[in-house]
Amino acid sequence: MAEKTGAEKTGAEKTDTDPSDKARDLAEAALGEYAKGDDKKGDKLAQQAIKVDKHAVEELARDLEEDAEVTGVADVDAEKE
């Protein structure tokens, strides 16, 4: 079995990552679970991410908001309300 490269490793498989990278990976995994409709698992991953590095999670949220504004997704969501 071939060993995974650094880019192919996920979450717990990664070693020697700094806490902000781990928190960001966990937060992204949480978003994936929310997208699949698994709020319980999403909440668990989000809480883990916050415990590892709250600032990295906040930075990810800002990045996603900026991306949504650039792509116009934020405007579509606002129109639904």
PDB file of N, CA and C in Angstrom:
ATOM      1  N   MET A   1       0.841  -1.183   0.000  1.00  0.00           N
ATOM      2  CA  MET A   1       0.000   0.000   0.000  1.00  0.00           C
ATOM      3  C   MET A   1       0.878   1.234   0.000  1.00  0.00           C
ATOM      4  N   ALA A   2       0.616   2.165  -0.886  1.00  0.00           N
ATOM      5  CA  ALA A   2       1.422   3.371  -1.008  1.00  0.00           C
ATOM      6  C   ALA A   2       1.159   4.313   0.164  1.00  0.00           C
ATOM      7  N   GLU A   3       2.205   4.970   0.609  1.00  0.00           N
ATOM      8  CA  GLU A   3       2.056   5.921   1.700  1.00  0.00           C
ATOM      9  C   GLU A   3       1.505   7.224   1.141  1.00  0.00           C
ATOM     10  N   LYS A   4       0.621   7.863   1.913  1.00  0.00           N
ATOM     11  CA  LYS A   4       0.028   9.122   1.472  1.00  0.00           C
ATOM     12  C   LYS A   4       1.032  10.248   1.585  1.00  0.00           C
ATOM     13  N   THR A   5       0.975  11.171   0.641  1.00  0.00           N
ATOM     14  CA  THR A   5       1.823  12.363   0.714  1.00  0.00           C
ATOM     15  C   THR A   5       1.200  13.340   1.685  1.00  0.00           C
ATOM     16  N   GLY A   6       1.910  14.385   2.042  1.00  0.00           N
ATOM     17  CA  GLY A   6       1.399  15.393   2.964  1.00  0.00           C
ATOM     18  C   GLY A   6       0.092  16.001   2.499  1.00  0.00           C
ATOM     19  N   ALA A   7      -0.038  16.237   1.186  1.00  0.00           N
ATOM     20  CA  ALA A   7      -1.257  16.839   0.648  1.00  0.00           C
ATOM     21  C   ALA A   7      -2.431  15.880   0.725  1.00  0.00           C
ATOM     22  N   GLU A   8      -2.171  14.578   0.757  1.00  0.00           N
ATOM     23  CA  GLU A   8      -3.241  13.592   0.774  1.00  0.00           C
ATOM     24  C   GLU A   8      -3.672  13.223   2.189  1.00  0.00           C
ATOM     25  N   LYS A   9      -2.872  13.539   3.169  1.00  0.00           N
ATOM     26  CA  LYS A   9      -3.218  13.211   4.550  1.00  0.00           C
ATOM     27  C   LYS A   9      -4.294  14.158   5.047  1.00  0.00           C
ATOM     28  N   THR A  10      -5.139  13.655   5.928  1.00  0.00           N
ATOM     29  CA  THR A  10      -6.205  14.479   6.479  1.00  0.00           C
ATOM     30  C   THR A  10      -6.183  14.436   7.990  1.00  0.00           C
ATOM     31  N   GLY A  11      -6.725  15.478   8.594  1.00  0.00           N
ATOM     32  CA  GLY A  11      -6.940  15.561  10.038  1.00  0.00           C
ATOM     33  C   GLY A  11      -5.932  14.862  10.901  1.00  0.00           C
ATOM     34  N   ALA A  12      -6.362  13.762  11.529  1.00  0.00           N
ATOM     35  CA  ALA A  12      -5.542  13.056  12.496  1.00  0.00           C
ATOM     36  C   ALA A  12      -4.338  12.370  11.868  1.00  0.00           C
ATOM     37  N   GLU A  13      -4.343  12.153  10.543  1.00  0.00           N
ATOM     38  CA  GLU A  13      -3.214  11.494   9.895  1.00  0.00           C
ATOM     39  C   GLU A  13      -1.996  12.404   9.807  1.00  0.00           C
ATOM     40  N   LYS A  14      -2.232  13.707   9.817  1.00  0.00           N
ATOM     41  CA  LYS A  14      -1.120  14.647   9.671  1.00  0.00           C
ATOM     42  C   LYS A  14      -0.269  14.638  10.936  1.00  0.00           C
ATOM     43  N   THR A  15       1.001  14.753  10.732  1.00  0.00           N
ATOM     44  CA  THR A  15       1.911  14.880  11.857  1.00  0.00           C
ATOM     45  C   THR A  15       2.712  16.145  11.649  1.00  0.00           C
ATOM     46  N   ASP A  16       3.226  16.677  12.722  1.00  0.00           N
ATOM     47  CA  ASP A  16       4.066  17.863  12.672  1.00  0.00           C
ATOM     48  C   ASP A  16       3.367  19.063  12.045  1.00  0.00           C
ATOM     49  N   THR A  17       2.053  19.184  12.197  1.00  0.00           N
ATOM     50  CA  THR A  17       1.374  20.373  11.707  1.00  0.00           C
ATOM     51  C   THR A  17       1.231  21.346  12.855  1.00  0.00           C
ATOM     52  N   ASP A  18       1.220  22.630  12.507  1.00  0.00           N
ATOM     53  CA  ASP A  18       1.045  23.581  13.595  1.00  0.00           C
ATOM     54  C   ASP A  18      -0.437  23.634  13.966  1.00  0.00           C
ATOM     55  N   PRO A  19      -0.741  24.104  15.155  1.00  0.00           N
ATOM     56  CA  PRO A  19      -2.123  24.092  15.635  1.00  0.00           C
ATOM     57  C   PRO A  19      -3.104  24.832  14.725  1.00  0.00           C
ATOM     58  N   SER A  20      -2.662  25.912  14.098  1.00  0.00           N
ATOM     59  CA  SER A  20      -3.586  26.646  13.242  1.00  0.00           C
ATOM     60  C   SER A  20      -3.989  25.821  12.022  1.00  0.00           C
ATOM     61  N   ASP A  21      -3.063  25.033  11.470  1.00  0.00           N
ATOM     62  CA  ASP A  21      -3.399  24.163  10.350  1.00  0.00           C
ATOM     63  C   ASP A  21      -4.382  23.077  10.782  1.00  0.00           C
ATOM     64  N   LYS A  22      -4.145  22.505  11.954  1.00  0.00           N
ATOM     65  CA  LYS A  22      -5.029  21.455  12.457  1.00  0.00           C
ATOM     66  C   LYS A  22      -6.429  22.019  12.716  1.00  0.00           C
ATOM     67  N   ALA A  23      -6.495  23.208  13.317  1.00  0.00           N
ATOM     68  CA  ALA A  23      -7.788  23.830  13.598  1.00  0.00           C
ATOM     69  C   ALA A  23      -8.534  24.137  12.310  1.00  0.00           C
ATOM     70  N   ARG A  24      -7.816  24.628  11.329  1.00  0.00           N
ATOM     71  CA  ARG A  24      -8.442  24.948  10.037  1.00  0.00           C
ATOM     72  C   ARG A  24      -8.971  23.666   9.362  1.00  0.00           C
ATOM     73  N   ASP A  25      -8.179  22.604   9.416  1.00  0.00           N
ATOM     74  CA  ASP A  25      -8.614  21.322   8.842  1.00  0.00           C
ATOM     75  C   ASP A  25      -9.877  20.817   9.540  1.00  0.00           C
ATOM     76  N   LEU A  26      -9.899  20.914  10.862  1.00  0.00           N
ATOM     77  CA  LEU A  26     -11.070  20.476  11.619  1.00  0.00           C
ATOM     78  C   LEU A  26     -12.299  21.326  11.279  1.00  0.00           C
ATOM     79  N   ALA A  27     -12.094  22.632  11.165  1.00  0.00           N
ATOM     80  CA  ALA A  27     -13.202  23.532  10.844  1.00  0.00           C
ATOM     81  C   ALA A  27     -13.741  23.247   9.446  1.00  0.00           C
ATOM     82  N   GLU A  28     -12.852  22.996   8.502  1.00  0.00           N
ATOM     83  CA  GLU A  28     -13.284  22.661   7.145  1.00  0.00           C
ATOM     84  C   GLU A  28     -14.039  21.326   7.128  1.00  0.00           C
ATOM     85  N   ALA A  29     -13.580  20.374   7.929  1.00  0.00           N
ATOM     86  CA  ALA A  29     -14.279  19.093   8.032  1.00  0.00           C
ATOM     87  C   ALA A  29     -15.662  19.303   8.644  1.00  0.00           C
ATOM     88  N   ALA A  30     -15.760  20.204   9.622  1.00  0.00           N
ATOM     89  CA  ALA A  30     -17.055  20.517  10.238  1.00  0.00           C
ATOM     90  C   ALA A  30     -18.009  21.079   9.198  1.00  0.00           C
ATOM     91  N   LEU A  31     -17.513  21.979   8.363  1.00  0.00           N
ATOM     92  CA  LEU A  31     -18.359  22.554   7.310  1.00  0.00           C
ATOM     93  C   LEU A  31     -18.847  21.473   6.355  1.00  0.00           C
ATOM     94  N   GLY A  32     -17.987  20.523   6.066  1.00  0.00           N
ATOM     95  CA  GLY A  32     -18.380  19.416   5.206  1.00  0.00           C
ATOM     96  C   GLY A  32     -19.494  18.591   5.815  1.00  0.00           C
ATOM     97  N   GLU A  33     -19.400  18.354   7.113  1.00  0.00           N
ATOM     98  CA  GLU A  33     -20.447  17.588   7.798  1.00  0.00           C
ATOM     99  C   GLU A  33     -21.757  18.367   7.828  1.00  0.00           C
ATOM    100  N   TYR A  34     -21.673  19.678   8.061  1.00  0.00           N
ATOM    101  CA  TYR A  34     -22.885  20.494   8.021  1.00  0.00           C
ATOM    102  C   TYR A  34     -23.521  20.430   6.636  1.00  0.00           C
ATOM    103  N   ALA A  35     -22.695  20.480   5.599  1.00  0.00           N
ATOM    104  CA  ALA A  35     -23.202  20.430   4.222  1.00  0.00           C
ATOM    105  C   ALA A  35     -23.898  19.101   3.937  1.00  0.00           C
ATOM    106  N   LYS A  36     -23.430  18.036   4.580  1.00  0.00           N
ATOM    107  CA  LYS A  36     -24.050  16.719   4.400  1.00  0.00           C
ATOM    108  C   LYS A  36     -25.278  16.546   5.288  1.00  0.00           C
ATOM    109  N   GLY A  37     -25.529  17.526   6.156  1.00  0.00           N
ATOM    110  CA  GLY A  37     -26.694  17.457   7.031  1.00  0.00           C
ATOM    111  C   GLY A  37     -26.433  16.834   8.383  1.00  0.00           C
ATOM    112  N   ASP A  38     -25.174  16.562   8.704  1.00  0.00           N
ATOM    113  CA  ASP A  38     -24.842  15.945   9.991  1.00  0.00           C
ATOM    114  C   ASP A  38     -24.398  17.041  10.971  1.00  0.00           C
ATOM    115  N   ASP A  39     -25.384  17.738  11.547  1.00  0.00           N
ATOM    116  CA  ASP A  39     -25.089  18.838  12.452  1.00  0.00           C
ATOM    117  C   ASP A  39     -24.364  18.383  13.711  1.00  0.00           C
ATOM    118  N   LYS A  40     -24.694  17.204  14.208  1.00  0.00           N
ATOM    119  CA  LYS A  40     -24.059  16.701  15.434  1.00  0.00           C
ATOM    120  C   LYS A  40     -22.556  16.527  15.224  1.00  0.00           C
ATOM    121  N   LYS A  41     -22.184  15.878  14.126  1.00  0.00           N
ATOM    122  CA  LYS A  41     -20.765  15.673  13.839  1.00  0.00           C
ATOM    123  C   LYS A  41     -20.094  17.005  13.511  1.00  0.00           C
ATOM    124  N   GLY A  42     -20.804  17.880  12.793  1.00  0.00           N
ATOM    125  CA  GLY A  42     -20.269  19.202  12.478  1.00  0.00           C
ATOM    126  C   GLY A  42     -19.979  19.995  13.743  1.00  0.00           C
ATOM    127  N   ASP A  43     -20.912  19.964  14.685  1.00  0.00           N
ATOM    128  CA  ASP A  43     -20.722  20.679  15.955  1.00  0.00           C
ATOM    129  C   ASP A  43     -19.514  20.134  16.714  1.00  0.00           C
ATOM    130  N   LYS A  44     -19.374  18.807  16.722  1.00  0.00           N
ATOM    131  CA  LYS A  44     -18.254  18.189  17.439  1.00  0.00           C
ATOM    132  C   LYS A  44     -16.921  18.625  16.832  1.00  0.00           C
ATOM    133  N   LEU A  45     -16.838  18.588  15.507  1.00  0.00           N
ATOM    134  CA  LEU A  45     -15.601  18.990  14.838  1.00  0.00           C
ATOM    135  C   LEU A  45     -15.323  20.482  15.029  1.00  0.00           C
ATOM    136  N   ALA A  46     -16.377  21.285  14.971  1.00  0.00           N
ATOM    137  CA  ALA A  46     -16.212  22.729  15.159  1.00  0.00           C
ATOM    138  C   ALA A  46     -15.683  23.039  16.562  1.00  0.00           C
ATOM    139  N   GLN A  47     -16.228  22.364  17.565  1.00  0.00           N
ATOM    140  CA  GLN A  47     -15.761  22.576  18.935  1.00  0.00           C
ATOM    141  C   GLN A  47     -14.303  22.151  19.106  1.00  0.00           C
ATOM    142  N   GLN A  48     -13.933  21.047  18.460  1.00  0.00           N
ATOM    143  CA  GLN A  48     -12.535  20.603  18.514  1.00  0.00           C
ATOM    144  C   GLN A  48     -11.629  21.649  17.876  1.00  0.00           C
ATOM    145  N   ALA A  49     -12.062  22.187  16.745  1.00  0.00           N
ATOM    146  CA  ALA A  49     -11.268  23.191  16.043  1.00  0.00           C
ATOM    147  C   ALA A  49     -11.058  24.425  16.912  1.00  0.00           C
ATOM    148  N   ILE A  50     -12.119  24.867  17.561  1.00  0.00           N
ATOM    149  CA  ILE A  50     -12.040  26.047  18.419  1.00  0.00           C
ATOM    150  C   ILE A  50     -11.099  25.806  19.591  1.00  0.00           C
ATOM    151  N   LYS A  51     -11.129  24.601  20.150  1.00  0.00           N
ATOM    152  CA  LYS A  51     -10.234  24.277  21.264  1.00  0.00           C
ATOM    153  C   LYS A  51      -8.769  24.297  20.832  1.00  0.00           C
ATOM    154  N   VAL A  52      -8.510  23.878  19.589  1.00  0.00           N
ATOM    155  CA  VAL A  52      -7.128  23.827  19.101  1.00  0.00           C
ATOM    156  C   VAL A  52      -6.598  25.230  18.821  1.00  0.00           C
ATOM    157  N   ASP A  53      -7.385  26.042  18.092  1.00  0.00           N
ATOM    158  CA  ASP A  53      -6.933  27.394  17.764  1.00  0.00           C
ATOM    159  C   ASP A  53      -8.120  28.234  17.311  1.00  0.00           C
ATOM    160  N   LYS A  54      -8.703  28.940  18.254  1.00  0.00           N
ATOM    161  CA  LYS A  54      -9.896  29.747  17.983  1.00  0.00           C
ATOM    162  C   LYS A  54      -9.631  30.792  16.907  1.00  0.00           C
ATOM    163  N   HIS A  55      -8.460  31.388  16.925  1.00  0.00           N
ATOM    164  CA  HIS A  55      -8.145  32.452  15.967  1.00  0.00           C
ATOM    165  C   HIS A  55      -8.063  31.915  14.535  1.00  0.00           C
ATOM    166  N   ALA A  56      -7.580  30.708  14.368  1.00  0.00           N
ATOM    167  CA  ALA A  56      -7.510  30.103  13.030  1.00  0.00           C
ATOM    168  C   ALA A  56      -8.914  29.850  12.491  1.00  0.00           C
ATOM    169  N   VAL A  57      -9.830  29.449  13.363  1.00  0.00           N
ATOM    170  CA  VAL A  57     -11.218  29.210  12.960  1.00  0.00           C
ATOM    171  C   VAL A  57     -11.870  30.539  12.574  1.00  0.00           C
ATOM    172  N   GLU A  58     -11.608  31.584  13.347  1.00  0.00           N
ATOM    173  CA  GLU A  58     -12.147  32.907  13.025  1.00  0.00           C
ATOM    174  C   GLU A  58     -11.598  33.405  11.686  1.00  0.00           C
ATOM    175  N   GLU A  59     -10.320  33.145  11.441  1.00  0.00           N
ATOM    176  CA  GLU A  59      -9.705  33.538  10.175  1.00  0.00           C
ATOM    177  C   GLU A  59     -10.350  32.803   9.000  1.00  0.00           C
ATOM    178  N   LEU A  60     -10.621  31.518   9.167  1.00  0.00           N
ATOM    179  CA  LEU A  60     -11.292  30.748   8.128  1.00  0.00           C
ATOM    180  C   LEU A  60     -12.672  31.335   7.848  1.00  0.00           C
ATOM    181  N   ALA A  61     -13.406  31.694   8.894  1.00  0.00           N
ATOM    182  CA  ALA A  61     -14.736  32.288   8.717  1.00  0.00           C
ATOM    183  C   ALA A  61     -14.640  33.598   7.933  1.00  0.00           C
ATOM    184  N   ARG A  62     -13.654  34.419   8.257  1.00  0.00           N
ATOM    185  CA  ARG A  62     -13.460  35.674   7.518  1.00  0.00           C
ATOM    186  C   ARG A  62     -13.134  35.399   6.058  1.00  0.00           C
ATOM    187  N   ASP A  63     -12.258  34.430   5.820  1.00  0.00           N
ATOM    188  CA  ASP A  63     -11.888  34.076   4.445  1.00  0.00           C
ATOM    189  C   ASP A  63     -13.114  33.623   3.652  1.00  0.00           C
ATOM    190  N   LEU A  64     -13.954  32.805   4.268  1.00  0.00           N
ATOM    191  CA  LEU A  64     -15.147  32.311   3.587  1.00  0.00           C
ATOM    192  C   LEU A  64     -16.136  33.449   3.310  1.00  0.00           C
ATOM    193  N   GLU A  65     -16.266  34.379   4.253  1.00  0.00           N
ATOM    194  CA  GLU A  65     -17.146  35.532   4.040  1.00  0.00           C
ATOM    195  C   GLU A  65     -16.648  36.379   2.875  1.00  0.00           C
ATOM    196  N   GLU A  66     -15.326  36.606   2.830  1.00  0.00           N
ATOM    197  CA  GLU A  66     -14.746  37.380   1.729  1.00  0.00           C
ATOM    198  C   GLU A  66     -14.969  36.672   0.399  1.00  0.00           C
ATOM    199  N   ASP A  67     -14.771  35.365   0.368  1.00  0.00           N
ATOM    200  CA  ASP A  67     -14.991  34.593  -0.863  1.00  0.00           C
ATOM    201  C   ASP A  67     -16.452  34.694  -1.307  1.00  0.00           C
ATOM    202  N   ALA A  68     -17.363  34.629  -0.348  1.00  0.00           N
ATOM    203  CA  ALA A  68     -18.788  34.706  -0.669  1.00  0.00           C
ATOM    204  C   ALA A  68     -19.133  36.075  -1.243  1.00  0.00           C
ATOM    205  N   GLU A  69     -18.527  37.126  -0.708  1.00  0.00           N
ATOM    206  CA  GLU A  69     -18.778  38.474  -1.215  1.00  0.00           C
ATOM    207  C   GLU A  69     -18.236  38.633  -2.631  1.00  0.00           C
ATOM    208  N   VAL A  70     -17.063  38.089  -2.889  1.00  0.00           N
ATOM    209  CA  VAL A  70     -16.439  38.193  -4.206  1.00  0.00           C
ATOM    210  C   VAL A  70     -17.246  37.434  -5.251  1.00  0.00           C
ATOM    211  N   THR A  71     -17.756  36.276  -4.885  1.00  0.00           N
ATOM    212  CA  THR A  71     -18.486  35.438  -5.840  1.00  0.00           C
ATOM    213  C   THR A  71     -19.965  35.796  -5.921  1.00  0.00           C
ATOM    214  N   GLY A  72     -20.433  36.654  -5.031  1.00  0.00           N
ATOM    215  CA  GLY A  72     -21.830  37.053  -5.037  1.00  0.00           C
ATOM    216  C   GLY A  72     -22.738  36.113  -4.279  1.00  0.00           C
ATOM    217  N   VAL A  73     -22.189  35.099  -3.651  1.00  0.00           N
ATOM    218  CA  VAL A  73     -22.998  34.146  -2.889  1.00  0.00           C
ATOM    219  C   VAL A  73     -23.634  34.839  -1.687  1.00  0.00           C
ATOM    220  N   ALA A  74     -22.929  35.756  -1.066  1.00  0.00           N
ATOM    221  CA  ALA A  74     -23.462  36.454   0.107  1.00  0.00           C
ATOM    222  C   ALA A  74     -24.718  37.222  -0.264  1.00  0.00           C
ATOM    223  N   ASP A  75     -24.767  37.820  -1.455  1.00  0.00           N
ATOM    224  CA  ASP A  75     -25.937  38.572  -1.883  1.00  0.00           C
ATOM    225  C   ASP A  75     -27.129  37.648  -2.100  1.00  0.00           C
ATOM    226  N   VAL A  76     -26.900  36.484  -2.632  1.00  0.00           N
ATOM    227  CA  VAL A  76     -27.982  35.524  -2.867  1.00  0.00           C
ATOM    228  C   VAL A  76     -28.581  35.075  -1.552  1.00  0.00           C
ATOM    229  N   ASP A  77     -27.730  34.789  -0.573  1.00  0.00           N
ATOM    230  CA  ASP A  77     -28.223  34.371   0.736  1.00  0.00           C
ATOM    231  C   ASP A  77     -29.032  35.482   1.402  1.00  0.00           C
ATOM    232  N   ALA A  78     -28.590  36.710   1.275  1.00  0.00           N
ATOM    233  CA  ALA A  78     -29.289  37.842   1.889  1.00  0.00           C
ATOM    234  C   ALA A  78     -30.661  38.042   1.252  1.00  0.00           C
ATOM    235  N   GLU A  79     -30.776  37.778  -0.043  1.00  0.00           N
ATOM    236  CA  GLU A  79     -32.047  37.941  -0.747  1.00  0.00           C
ATOM    237  C   GLU A  79     -33.069  36.902  -0.295  1.00  0.00           C
ATOM    238  N   LYS A  80     -32.630  35.737   0.168  1.00  0.00           N
ATOM    239  CA  LYS A  80     -33.533  34.676   0.602  1.00  0.00           C
ATOM    240  C   LYS A  80     -34.237  35.039   1.898  1.00  0.00           C
ATOM    241  N   GLU A  81     -33.633  35.908   2.704  1.00  0.00           N
ATOM    242  CA  GLU A  81     -34.182  36.247   4.022  1.00  0.00           C
ATOM    243  C   GLU A  81     -35.274  37.211   3.920  1.00  0.00           C
TER     244      GLU A  81
END
